[in-house]
Structure formats: C-alpha cells, structure tokens
N, C-alpha and C. Protein backbone atom coordinates (compact mmCIF):
# COMPACT_ATOMS: atom_id res chain seq x y z
N MET A 1 16.28 11.42 0.68
CA MET A 1 16.16 10.07 0.12
C MET A 1 14.73 9.83 -0.37
N ARG A 2 14.63 8.99 -1.36
CA ARG A 2 13.33 8.57 -1.89
C ARG A 2 12.96 7.26 -1.20
N ILE A 3 11.90 7.30 -0.41
CA ILE A 3 11.49 6.16 0.41
C ILE A 3 10.19 5.57 -0.12
N GLY A 4 10.22 4.29 -0.46
CA GLY A 4 8.99 3.59 -0.85
C GLY A 4 8.25 3.15 0.40
N ILE A 5 6.96 3.41 0.42
CA ILE A 5 6.10 3.00 1.53
C ILE A 5 5.20 1.87 1.04
N TYR A 6 5.45 0.69 1.55
CA TYR A 6 4.70 -0.50 1.17
C TYR A 6 3.95 -0.96 2.41
N GLY A 7 2.70 -0.56 2.51
CA GLY A 7 1.90 -0.86 3.68
C GLY A 7 1.08 -2.12 3.51
N GLY A 8 0.74 -2.71 4.63
CA GLY A 8 -0.10 -3.90 4.59
C GLY A 8 -0.24 -4.51 5.96
N SER A 9 -1.14 -5.47 6.06
CA SER A 9 -1.31 -6.17 7.33
C SER A 9 -0.22 -7.23 7.50
N PHE A 10 0.35 -7.72 6.38
CA PHE A 10 1.41 -8.73 6.44
C PHE A 10 1.03 -9.83 7.41
N ASN A 11 -0.06 -10.51 7.08
CA ASN A 11 -0.73 -11.44 8.00
C ASN A 11 -0.79 -12.86 7.44
N PRO A 12 0.34 -13.57 7.28
CA PRO A 12 1.71 -13.20 7.61
C PRO A 12 2.46 -12.67 6.39
N ILE A 13 3.64 -12.12 6.63
CA ILE A 13 4.53 -11.71 5.56
C ILE A 13 5.06 -12.97 4.87
N HIS A 14 5.23 -12.90 3.55
CA HIS A 14 5.74 -14.06 2.81
C HIS A 14 6.78 -13.61 1.79
N LYS A 15 7.36 -14.56 1.09
CA LYS A 15 8.45 -14.26 0.16
C LYS A 15 7.98 -13.40 -1.01
N GLY A 16 6.72 -13.45 -1.36
CA GLY A 16 6.21 -12.55 -2.38
C GLY A 16 6.40 -11.10 -1.96
N HIS A 17 6.09 -10.81 -0.69
CA HIS A 17 6.28 -9.45 -0.16
C HIS A 17 7.75 -9.04 -0.18
N THR A 18 8.60 -9.90 0.38
CA THR A 18 10.00 -9.51 0.56
C THR A 18 10.76 -9.48 -0.76
N GLN A 19 10.48 -10.42 -1.66
CA GLN A 19 11.17 -10.42 -2.94
C GLN A 19 10.74 -9.23 -3.80
N LEU A 20 9.48 -8.86 -3.71
CA LEU A 20 8.99 -7.68 -4.41
C LEU A 20 9.67 -6.43 -3.87
N ALA A 21 9.73 -6.31 -2.56
CA ALA A 21 10.37 -5.15 -1.93
C ALA A 21 11.83 -5.05 -2.35
N ALA A 22 12.54 -6.17 -2.30
CA ALA A 22 13.95 -6.19 -2.69
C ALA A 22 14.13 -5.81 -4.15
N SER A 23 13.22 -6.25 -5.02
CA SER A 23 13.29 -5.94 -6.45
C SER A 23 13.12 -4.45 -6.70
N ILE A 24 12.20 -3.82 -6.00
CA ILE A 24 11.96 -2.37 -6.17
C ILE A 24 13.19 -1.57 -5.76
N VAL A 25 13.84 -1.99 -4.66
CA VAL A 25 15.06 -1.31 -4.23
C VAL A 25 16.19 -1.57 -5.22
N ALA A 26 16.35 -2.83 -5.64
CA ALA A 26 17.45 -3.21 -6.54
C ALA A 26 17.36 -2.48 -7.88
N GLN A 27 16.15 -2.17 -8.31
CA GLN A 27 15.96 -1.46 -9.58
C GLN A 27 16.23 0.04 -9.45
N GLY A 28 16.46 0.51 -8.23
CA GLY A 28 16.73 1.93 -8.02
C GLY A 28 15.49 2.80 -8.09
N LEU A 29 14.32 2.19 -7.98
CA LEU A 29 13.07 2.95 -8.01
C LEU A 29 12.90 3.78 -6.73
N VAL A 30 13.49 3.28 -5.63
CA VAL A 30 13.53 3.99 -4.37
C VAL A 30 14.91 3.74 -3.75
N ASP A 31 15.30 4.60 -2.82
CA ASP A 31 16.57 4.39 -2.11
C ASP A 31 16.40 3.36 -1.01
N GLU A 32 15.26 3.41 -0.37
CA GLU A 32 14.89 2.44 0.68
C GLU A 32 13.42 2.13 0.53
N LEU A 33 13.03 0.97 1.01
CA LEU A 33 11.61 0.64 1.05
C LEU A 33 11.26 0.28 2.48
N TRP A 34 10.23 0.94 3.00
CA TRP A 34 9.76 0.67 4.36
C TRP A 34 8.49 -0.15 4.30
N LEU A 35 8.54 -1.34 4.89
CA LEU A 35 7.33 -2.15 5.04
C LEU A 35 6.59 -1.60 6.26
N LEU A 36 5.46 -0.99 6.01
CA LEU A 36 4.68 -0.36 7.07
C LEU A 36 3.61 -1.35 7.53
N VAL A 37 3.84 -1.96 8.68
CA VAL A 37 2.88 -2.94 9.20
C VAL A 37 1.69 -2.17 9.76
N SER A 38 0.53 -2.41 9.15
CA SER A 38 -0.67 -1.66 9.50
C SER A 38 -1.44 -2.31 10.64
N PRO A 39 -1.86 -1.50 11.62
CA PRO A 39 -2.70 -2.06 12.69
C PRO A 39 -4.02 -2.60 12.15
N LEU A 40 -4.61 -1.87 11.20
CA LEU A 40 -5.91 -2.27 10.65
C LEU A 40 -6.14 -1.55 9.34
N ASN A 41 -6.34 -2.31 8.28
CA ASN A 41 -6.65 -1.74 6.97
C ASN A 41 -8.13 -1.39 6.96
N PRO A 42 -8.49 -0.12 6.71
CA PRO A 42 -9.90 0.27 6.72
C PRO A 42 -10.76 -0.50 5.72
N LEU A 43 -10.15 -0.94 4.60
CA LEU A 43 -10.91 -1.69 3.60
C LEU A 43 -10.99 -3.18 3.92
N LYS A 44 -10.32 -3.61 4.98
CA LYS A 44 -10.36 -5.03 5.36
C LYS A 44 -10.90 -5.20 6.77
N SER A 45 -11.67 -4.25 7.24
CA SER A 45 -12.12 -4.29 8.63
C SER A 45 -12.97 -5.52 8.95
N GLY A 46 -13.56 -6.15 7.94
CA GLY A 46 -14.35 -7.35 8.17
C GLY A 46 -13.51 -8.57 8.47
N GLU A 47 -12.19 -8.47 8.26
CA GLU A 47 -11.30 -9.61 8.46
C GLU A 47 -10.60 -9.58 9.81
N VAL A 48 -11.06 -8.74 10.73
CA VAL A 48 -10.37 -8.55 12.01
C VAL A 48 -10.21 -9.85 12.78
N SER A 49 -11.19 -10.73 12.74
CA SER A 49 -11.11 -11.96 13.52
C SER A 49 -10.02 -12.90 13.00
N ASN A 50 -9.56 -12.69 11.79
CA ASN A 50 -8.59 -13.58 11.17
C ASN A 50 -7.18 -13.00 11.20
N ILE A 51 -6.96 -11.96 11.97
CA ILE A 51 -5.67 -11.28 11.93
C ILE A 51 -4.87 -11.57 13.20
N ALA A 52 -3.59 -11.86 13.00
CA ALA A 52 -2.71 -12.09 14.15
C ALA A 52 -2.48 -10.77 14.87
N GLU A 53 -2.15 -10.85 16.14
CA GLU A 53 -1.89 -9.63 16.91
C GLU A 53 -0.77 -8.83 16.25
N TYR A 54 -0.85 -7.54 16.42
CA TYR A 54 0.10 -6.63 15.78
C TYR A 54 1.55 -7.01 16.08
N GLU A 55 1.85 -7.30 17.33
CA GLU A 55 3.23 -7.62 17.72
C GLU A 55 3.76 -8.82 16.96
N HIS A 56 2.90 -9.82 16.72
CA HIS A 56 3.32 -11.00 15.96
C HIS A 56 3.61 -10.63 14.51
N ARG A 57 2.73 -9.85 13.90
CA ARG A 57 2.93 -9.47 12.50
C ARG A 57 4.18 -8.61 12.33
N LEU A 58 4.41 -7.71 13.27
CA LEU A 58 5.61 -6.87 13.23
C LEU A 58 6.87 -7.72 13.37
N LYS A 59 6.88 -8.63 14.32
CA LYS A 59 8.04 -9.49 14.55
C LYS A 59 8.32 -10.37 13.33
N MET A 60 7.27 -10.94 12.72
CA MET A 60 7.47 -11.78 11.54
C MET A 60 8.06 -10.95 10.39
N ALA A 61 7.59 -9.71 10.24
CA ALA A 61 8.14 -8.83 9.19
C ALA A 61 9.62 -8.55 9.45
N GLU A 62 9.96 -8.32 10.70
CA GLU A 62 11.37 -8.07 11.04
C GLU A 62 12.23 -9.31 10.74
N LEU A 63 11.73 -10.48 11.09
CA LEU A 63 12.47 -11.72 10.82
C LEU A 63 12.65 -11.93 9.31
N ALA A 64 11.59 -11.69 8.56
CA ALA A 64 11.61 -11.95 7.11
C ALA A 64 12.52 -10.99 6.34
N THR A 65 12.76 -9.81 6.89
CA THR A 65 13.56 -8.81 6.16
C THR A 65 15.01 -8.74 6.63
N GLU A 66 15.36 -9.56 7.62
CA GLU A 66 16.75 -9.56 8.08
C GLU A 66 17.68 -9.82 6.91
N GLY A 67 18.66 -8.94 6.73
CA GLY A 67 19.65 -9.14 5.68
C GLY A 67 19.24 -8.68 4.29
N ILE A 68 18.04 -8.15 4.13
CA ILE A 68 17.63 -7.63 2.82
C ILE A 68 18.00 -6.15 2.77
N GLU A 69 19.01 -5.84 1.99
CA GLU A 69 19.53 -4.48 1.94
C GLU A 69 18.50 -3.49 1.40
N GLY A 70 18.32 -2.39 2.14
CA GLY A 70 17.42 -1.33 1.70
C GLY A 70 15.97 -1.54 2.06
N VAL A 71 15.64 -2.68 2.67
CA VAL A 71 14.26 -2.97 3.07
C VAL A 71 14.19 -2.96 4.58
N ASN A 72 13.34 -2.09 5.12
CA ASN A 72 13.20 -1.93 6.56
C ASN A 72 11.75 -2.09 6.98
N VAL A 73 11.53 -2.43 8.22
CA VAL A 73 10.19 -2.59 8.77
C VAL A 73 9.89 -1.38 9.66
N SER A 74 8.68 -0.86 9.55
CA SER A 74 8.29 0.30 10.34
C SER A 74 6.97 0.05 11.05
N ASP A 75 6.91 0.53 12.29
CA ASP A 75 5.65 0.46 13.05
C ASP A 75 5.02 1.86 13.15
N PHE A 76 5.35 2.74 12.21
CA PHE A 76 4.92 4.13 12.25
C PHE A 76 3.40 4.27 12.41
N GLU A 77 2.65 3.46 11.65
CA GLU A 77 1.18 3.58 11.71
C GLU A 77 0.61 3.18 13.07
N ARG A 78 1.35 2.38 13.80
CA ARG A 78 0.89 1.94 15.11
C ARG A 78 0.63 3.12 16.05
N HIS A 79 1.35 4.21 15.83
CA HIS A 79 1.27 5.37 16.71
C HIS A 79 0.30 6.44 16.20
N LEU A 80 -0.44 6.11 15.14
CA LEU A 80 -1.41 7.06 14.57
C LEU A 80 -2.82 6.63 14.95
N PRO A 81 -3.75 7.59 14.94
CA PRO A 81 -5.14 7.22 15.24
C PRO A 81 -5.70 6.24 14.21
N LEU A 82 -6.58 5.37 14.66
CA LEU A 82 -7.27 4.43 13.75
C LEU A 82 -8.55 5.08 13.27
N PRO A 83 -9.00 4.74 12.07
CA PRO A 83 -8.37 3.84 11.11
C PRO A 83 -7.17 4.50 10.44
N SER A 84 -6.26 3.67 9.92
CA SER A 84 -5.03 4.17 9.32
C SER A 84 -5.24 4.49 7.84
N TYR A 85 -5.73 5.67 7.56
CA TYR A 85 -5.91 6.07 6.18
C TYR A 85 -4.56 6.46 5.59
N THR A 86 -4.30 6.00 4.38
CA THR A 86 -3.00 6.22 3.74
C THR A 86 -2.66 7.70 3.62
N ILE A 87 -3.62 8.53 3.28
CA ILE A 87 -3.33 9.97 3.13
C ILE A 87 -2.83 10.56 4.44
N ASN A 88 -3.40 10.13 5.56
CA ASN A 88 -2.96 10.62 6.88
C ASN A 88 -1.55 10.10 7.20
N THR A 89 -1.32 8.82 6.92
CA THR A 89 -0.01 8.23 7.19
C THR A 89 1.07 8.94 6.39
N LEU A 90 0.83 9.15 5.10
CA LEU A 90 1.83 9.82 4.27
C LEU A 90 2.09 11.24 4.75
N GLY A 91 1.04 11.93 5.14
CA GLY A 91 1.19 13.30 5.67
C GLY A 91 2.00 13.33 6.95
N GLU A 92 1.74 12.38 7.85
CA GLU A 92 2.48 12.32 9.12
C GLU A 92 3.94 11.91 8.89
N LEU A 93 4.16 11.00 7.93
CA LEU A 93 5.53 10.63 7.58
C LEU A 93 6.30 11.84 7.05
N GLN A 94 5.65 12.63 6.21
CA GLN A 94 6.29 13.81 5.64
C GLN A 94 6.64 14.83 6.72
N LYS A 95 5.74 14.95 7.73
CA LYS A 95 6.03 15.86 8.85
C LYS A 95 7.19 15.35 9.70
N ALA A 96 7.21 14.05 9.95
CA ALA A 96 8.24 13.46 10.80
C ALA A 96 9.60 13.39 10.11
N TYR A 97 9.58 13.24 8.79
CA TYR A 97 10.83 13.10 8.01
C TYR A 97 10.81 14.03 6.80
N PRO A 98 10.86 15.35 7.03
CA PRO A 98 10.73 16.30 5.91
C PRO A 98 11.87 16.20 4.90
N GLU A 99 12.96 15.56 5.28
CA GLU A 99 14.10 15.44 4.37
C GLU A 99 13.89 14.35 3.31
N HIS A 100 12.86 13.52 3.46
CA HIS A 100 12.62 12.41 2.53
C HIS A 100 11.46 12.71 1.59
N GLU A 101 11.50 12.06 0.44
CA GLU A 101 10.36 12.04 -0.48
C GLU A 101 9.72 10.66 -0.33
N PHE A 102 8.43 10.62 -0.12
CA PHE A 102 7.74 9.35 0.08
C PHE A 102 6.96 8.96 -1.17
N VAL A 103 7.09 7.69 -1.52
CA VAL A 103 6.46 7.12 -2.71
C VAL A 103 5.62 5.93 -2.24
N LEU A 104 4.37 5.89 -2.65
CA LEU A 104 3.47 4.81 -2.26
C LEU A 104 3.66 3.62 -3.19
N VAL A 105 3.78 2.42 -2.63
CA VAL A 105 3.93 1.18 -3.40
C VAL A 105 2.69 0.33 -3.15
N ILE A 106 1.95 0.03 -4.23
CA ILE A 106 0.72 -0.77 -4.08
C ILE A 106 0.63 -1.80 -5.21
N GLY A 107 -0.17 -2.81 -4.98
CA GLY A 107 -0.41 -3.83 -6.00
C GLY A 107 -1.51 -3.40 -6.96
N ALA A 108 -1.53 -4.04 -8.12
CA ALA A 108 -2.55 -3.74 -9.12
C ALA A 108 -3.95 -4.01 -8.58
N ASP A 109 -4.08 -4.97 -7.66
CA ASP A 109 -5.38 -5.24 -7.04
C ASP A 109 -5.85 -4.03 -6.22
N ASN A 110 -4.92 -3.39 -5.53
CA ASN A 110 -5.28 -2.19 -4.77
C ASN A 110 -5.56 -1.01 -5.70
N TRP A 111 -4.86 -0.95 -6.82
CA TRP A 111 -5.13 0.13 -7.77
C TRP A 111 -6.55 0.01 -8.32
N GLU A 112 -7.03 -1.23 -8.52
CA GLU A 112 -8.40 -1.44 -9.01
C GLU A 112 -9.44 -0.84 -8.06
N ARG A 113 -9.16 -0.90 -6.76
CA ARG A 113 -10.12 -0.34 -5.80
C ARG A 113 -9.66 1.00 -5.23
N PHE A 114 -8.65 1.58 -5.85
CA PHE A 114 -8.10 2.84 -5.36
C PHE A 114 -9.14 3.96 -5.25
N PRO A 115 -10.10 4.07 -6.18
CA PRO A 115 -11.12 5.11 -6.04
C PRO A 115 -11.89 5.05 -4.72
N ARG A 116 -11.91 3.88 -4.05
CA ARG A 116 -12.59 3.74 -2.76
C ARG A 116 -11.73 4.21 -1.60
N TRP A 117 -10.44 4.45 -1.85
CA TRP A 117 -9.55 4.88 -0.77
C TRP A 117 -9.93 6.28 -0.32
N TYR A 118 -9.73 6.54 0.95
CA TYR A 118 -10.00 7.84 1.55
C TYR A 118 -9.08 8.88 0.92
N HIS A 119 -9.67 9.91 0.32
CA HIS A 119 -8.93 10.99 -0.34
C HIS A 119 -7.97 10.49 -1.42
N ALA A 120 -8.45 9.56 -2.24
CA ALA A 120 -7.63 8.97 -3.30
C ALA A 120 -7.06 10.03 -4.24
N ASP A 121 -7.88 11.01 -4.63
CA ASP A 121 -7.41 12.06 -5.55
C ASP A 121 -6.27 12.87 -4.95
N GLU A 122 -6.34 13.11 -3.65
CA GLU A 122 -5.29 13.87 -2.98
C GLU A 122 -3.98 13.08 -2.94
N ILE A 123 -4.08 11.77 -2.75
CA ILE A 123 -2.87 10.93 -2.77
C ILE A 123 -2.21 11.03 -4.15
N ILE A 124 -3.01 10.90 -5.20
CA ILE A 124 -2.48 10.96 -6.57
C ILE A 124 -1.86 12.32 -6.85
N GLU A 125 -2.47 13.36 -6.32
CA GLU A 125 -1.99 14.73 -6.55
C GLU A 125 -0.67 15.01 -5.81
N LYS A 126 -0.52 14.49 -4.60
CA LYS A 126 0.63 14.85 -3.76
C LYS A 126 1.80 13.88 -3.81
N TYR A 127 1.55 12.62 -4.19
CA TYR A 127 2.58 11.59 -4.06
C TYR A 127 2.72 10.78 -5.35
N HIS A 128 3.92 10.26 -5.56
CA HIS A 128 4.13 9.30 -6.64
C HIS A 128 3.65 7.94 -6.14
N ILE A 129 3.15 7.15 -7.08
CA ILE A 129 2.66 5.81 -6.75
C ILE A 129 3.32 4.82 -7.70
N LEU A 130 3.90 3.78 -7.14
CA LEU A 130 4.45 2.68 -7.92
C LEU A 130 3.49 1.49 -7.80
N ILE A 131 3.06 0.97 -8.94
CA ILE A 131 2.13 -0.17 -8.94
C ILE A 131 2.86 -1.41 -9.43
N TYR A 132 2.80 -2.47 -8.65
CA TYR A 132 3.35 -3.75 -9.10
C TYR A 132 2.19 -4.63 -9.56
N ARG A 133 2.49 -5.43 -10.57
CA ARG A 133 1.46 -6.30 -11.16
C ARG A 133 1.07 -7.43 -10.20
N ARG A 134 -0.19 -7.84 -10.33
CA ARG A 134 -0.69 -8.98 -9.56
C ARG A 134 -1.39 -9.93 -10.52
N PRO A 135 -1.28 -11.25 -10.30
CA PRO A 135 -1.97 -12.20 -11.19
C PRO A 135 -3.47 -11.90 -11.24
N GLY A 136 -4.01 -11.90 -12.44
CA GLY A 136 -5.44 -11.70 -12.63
C GLY A 136 -5.88 -10.25 -12.65
N CYS A 137 -4.96 -9.31 -12.53
CA CYS A 137 -5.31 -7.88 -12.54
C CYS A 137 -4.76 -7.24 -13.81
N GLU A 138 -5.63 -6.65 -14.58
CA GLU A 138 -5.23 -5.97 -15.81
C GLU A 138 -5.04 -4.48 -15.53
N LEU A 139 -4.01 -3.90 -16.12
CA LEU A 139 -3.75 -2.47 -15.96
C LEU A 139 -3.73 -1.80 -17.33
N ASP A 140 -4.49 -0.73 -17.46
CA ASP A 140 -4.44 0.06 -18.68
C ASP A 140 -3.45 1.20 -18.42
N GLU A 141 -2.20 0.98 -18.82
CA GLU A 141 -1.15 1.94 -18.50
C GLU A 141 -1.34 3.28 -19.21
N THR A 142 -2.11 3.28 -20.30
CA THR A 142 -2.33 4.54 -21.04
C THR A 142 -3.27 5.47 -20.28
N ALA A 143 -4.03 4.91 -19.32
CA ALA A 143 -5.02 5.73 -18.59
C ALA A 143 -4.52 6.18 -17.23
N LEU A 144 -3.26 5.92 -16.91
CA LEU A 144 -2.76 6.25 -15.58
C LEU A 144 -2.38 7.73 -15.47
N PRO A 145 -2.63 8.33 -14.30
CA PRO A 145 -2.17 9.72 -14.08
C PRO A 145 -0.65 9.80 -14.15
N ALA A 146 -0.13 10.99 -14.36
CA ALA A 146 1.31 11.20 -14.52
C ALA A 146 2.11 10.77 -13.29
N SER A 147 1.50 10.83 -12.11
CA SER A 147 2.22 10.49 -10.87
C SER A 147 2.25 8.99 -10.58
N VAL A 148 1.65 8.20 -11.48
CA VAL A 148 1.52 6.76 -11.25
C VAL A 148 2.35 6.00 -12.28
N GLN A 149 3.15 5.04 -11.78
CA GLN A 149 4.03 4.27 -12.65
C GLN A 149 3.88 2.79 -12.36
N VAL A 150 3.76 1.99 -13.42
CA VAL A 150 3.74 0.53 -13.27
C VAL A 150 5.19 0.06 -13.29
N VAL A 151 5.57 -0.75 -12.31
CA VAL A 151 6.94 -1.22 -12.22
C VAL A 151 7.05 -2.66 -12.69
N ASP A 152 8.20 -2.99 -13.21
CA ASP A 152 8.45 -4.32 -13.75
C ASP A 152 9.06 -5.19 -12.65
N THR A 153 8.22 -5.95 -11.99
CA THR A 153 8.67 -6.84 -10.92
C THR A 153 8.13 -8.24 -11.21
N PRO A 154 8.75 -9.26 -10.64
CA PRO A 154 8.25 -10.63 -10.84
C PRO A 154 6.83 -10.76 -10.29
N LEU A 155 6.06 -11.67 -10.90
CA LEU A 155 4.71 -11.98 -10.40
C LEU A 155 4.80 -13.11 -9.39
N TYR A 156 4.11 -12.96 -8.28
CA TYR A 156 4.09 -14.00 -7.25
C TYR A 156 2.64 -14.42 -7.03
N ASP A 157 2.35 -15.68 -7.33
CA ASP A 157 0.99 -16.17 -7.17
C ASP A 157 0.83 -16.78 -5.79
N VAL A 158 0.90 -15.91 -4.79
CA VAL A 158 0.76 -16.35 -3.41
C VAL A 158 0.05 -15.23 -2.66
N SER A 159 -0.63 -15.58 -1.60
CA SER A 159 -1.27 -14.57 -0.77
C SER A 159 -1.20 -15.01 0.68
N SER A 160 -1.29 -14.03 1.57
CA SER A 160 -1.31 -14.34 3.00
C SER A 160 -2.53 -15.19 3.33
N THR A 161 -3.64 -14.95 2.63
CA THR A 161 -4.86 -15.73 2.86
C THR A 161 -4.61 -17.21 2.59
N LYS A 162 -3.95 -17.52 1.46
CA LYS A 162 -3.64 -18.92 1.13
C LYS A 162 -2.74 -19.54 2.20
N ILE A 163 -1.79 -18.77 2.68
CA ILE A 163 -0.87 -19.29 3.70
C ILE A 163 -1.63 -19.58 5.00
N ARG A 164 -2.49 -18.63 5.41
CA ARG A 164 -3.27 -18.86 6.65
C ARG A 164 -4.15 -20.12 6.51
N GLU A 165 -4.77 -20.28 5.35
CA GLU A 165 -5.64 -21.45 5.13
C GLU A 165 -4.83 -22.74 5.18
N SER A 166 -3.63 -22.72 4.62
CA SER A 166 -2.79 -23.93 4.63
C SER A 166 -2.35 -24.27 6.06
N VAL A 167 -2.00 -23.24 6.85
CA VAL A 167 -1.59 -23.47 8.24
C VAL A 167 -2.75 -24.08 9.02
N LYS A 168 -3.93 -23.56 8.79
CA LYS A 168 -5.12 -24.06 9.50
C LYS A 168 -5.37 -25.54 9.19
N LYS A 169 -4.98 -25.95 7.96
CA LYS A 169 -5.16 -27.35 7.56
C LYS A 169 -3.97 -28.23 7.93
N GLY A 170 -3.00 -27.65 8.65
CA GLY A 170 -1.87 -28.44 9.09
C GLY A 170 -0.70 -28.44 8.13
N ARG A 171 -0.77 -27.65 7.07
CA ARG A 171 0.35 -27.51 6.14
C ARG A 171 0.93 -26.12 6.31
N MET A 172 2.15 -25.91 5.82
CA MET A 172 2.81 -24.63 6.12
C MET A 172 3.16 -23.80 4.89
N MET A 173 3.15 -24.35 3.68
CA MET A 173 3.57 -23.62 2.48
C MET A 173 4.97 -23.03 2.68
N ARG A 174 5.88 -23.84 3.15
CA ARG A 174 7.22 -23.36 3.52
C ARG A 174 7.98 -22.73 2.36
N ARG A 175 7.65 -23.10 1.12
CA ARG A 175 8.39 -22.51 0.01
C ARG A 175 8.11 -21.02 -0.12
N TRP A 176 6.99 -20.56 0.46
CA TRP A 176 6.64 -19.14 0.40
C TRP A 176 6.95 -18.39 1.68
N LEU A 177 7.41 -19.10 2.70
CA LEU A 177 7.69 -18.45 3.98
C LEU A 177 9.18 -18.52 4.29
N ASP A 178 9.72 -17.42 4.79
CA ASP A 178 11.07 -17.45 5.33
C ASP A 178 11.06 -18.47 6.47
N GLU A 179 12.12 -19.25 6.57
CA GLU A 179 12.17 -20.32 7.58
C GLU A 179 11.97 -19.78 9.00
N LYS A 180 12.52 -18.60 9.27
CA LYS A 180 12.36 -18.00 10.61
C LYS A 180 10.89 -17.66 10.87
N VAL A 181 10.18 -17.23 9.82
CA VAL A 181 8.75 -16.90 9.96
C VAL A 181 7.94 -18.17 10.17
N ALA A 182 8.26 -19.21 9.41
CA ALA A 182 7.56 -20.49 9.58
C ALA A 182 7.72 -21.01 11.01
N ARG A 183 8.94 -20.93 11.53
CA ARG A 183 9.17 -21.38 12.92
C ARG A 183 8.40 -20.51 13.90
N TYR A 184 8.35 -19.21 13.65
CA TYR A 184 7.64 -18.29 14.54
C TYR A 184 6.15 -18.63 14.56
N ILE A 185 5.57 -18.87 13.39
CA ILE A 185 4.14 -19.22 13.29
C ILE A 185 3.87 -20.48 14.10
N LYS A 186 4.74 -21.47 13.93
CA LYS A 186 4.56 -22.74 14.63
C LYS A 186 4.71 -22.56 16.14
N ARG A 187 5.75 -21.84 16.55
CA ARG A 187 6.02 -21.65 17.99
C ARG A 187 4.89 -20.92 18.69
N HIS A 188 4.27 -19.97 18.00
CA HIS A 188 3.22 -19.15 18.63
C HIS A 188 1.80 -19.63 18.27
N HIS A 189 1.72 -20.76 17.59
CA HIS A 189 0.42 -21.37 17.26
C HIS A 189 -0.50 -20.38 16.53
N LEU A 190 0.08 -19.65 15.56
CA LEU A 190 -0.71 -18.66 14.83
C LEU A 190 -1.51 -19.33 13.71
N TYR A 191 -2.66 -18.75 13.42
CA TYR A 191 -3.54 -19.12 12.30
C TYR A 191 -4.17 -20.50 12.44
N LEU A 192 -4.19 -21.05 13.64
CA LEU A 192 -4.85 -22.33 13.86
C LEU A 192 -6.26 -22.09 14.30
C-alpha cells in the first residue's frame, strides 16, 4: 500500500488538518494517510512551553479522525529517540512495514524551509513528497525535483496557533474544531 505520512504536533488538530487528509485520500494520491503525532518538532523546539502533553494531542487527533475513511492516527514517533527527524522516522517506518511505500505529506510553508531539514537531500532522493498549498506561500512548480508533487487540495486559512490564542482569550473557534475536540479542550482546560 501507498501510505501518506502527515506529521505534526497537531497542537491542537483542526478541520484544516482532517479535511486536507481526507482530500488526499479521496483523490487516490495515497491508499491511506497516517497522521503522525510528533512528540517534538526539531524546528519548533522553542515552542515547547506552548504545547499540550503528548497524550492530549494524540487523543484529540483520534477524536477528530473518527469516521474519516483512510485516515488513521499513529504514535509511531513516540517510540523513537528524540529529536524526531523525518529521515529517521521514514527509515524506521520502512523497516517496520516493508510491504508499504511511504510518501511524505507537507505544507508549502514546510517546503520553503525544507533545506533546513535534517538530511533533506536524502529525503528527496529516497521518498516521494506531496506538497499541499498554504495561504501566503508561493511554489515554483517548475523548479521541483522529480520526486516532489504539488497536490490540488482546498486552502484552509487556519492554524493551531490561532486556535490556541483564541482559547486563551476565552473563545473557541468552533467552526475549525471537531465538536469532540472542542469539548476535550474545554474538559481538560488546555491552552489556558
């Protein structure tokens, strides 16, 4: 099977994440998409104080993806040494599941800083990468390596940062949160 790996802190997961994941599966770009909840993004290590505990982020991802066909949540990176470099994660996934082909799914914002990723050239050489567009990010598709493809998915002008800020101010941005996730945030007093 062709498995899309969509990693992130999902702090918290929102409808932009889940609708994008569902769109990639529905288009047949991958057979399944695994949302890989990351313990710690090496490029976001300065944001550690603003991150919900791993168990909360994992549970919210599970709640948000209930009933979305072909989209699954994985805690695979939780069992790997930190920091969780993508090249290591993909290599360990390939060892654990040799019957699958793994495809990296990233946003255009991450593609802009991709040269800063650990062993970026090796990722491009060994794996296919699907890039989804992000508001405010321009992509020169003529300059992309052969293993990199821009996918046609809806644009979502929302971020986990905006949601956390709204929660802190006493608002919830419920239109961007699955109702089960919104209730979970409230019940566990997250992002206050």
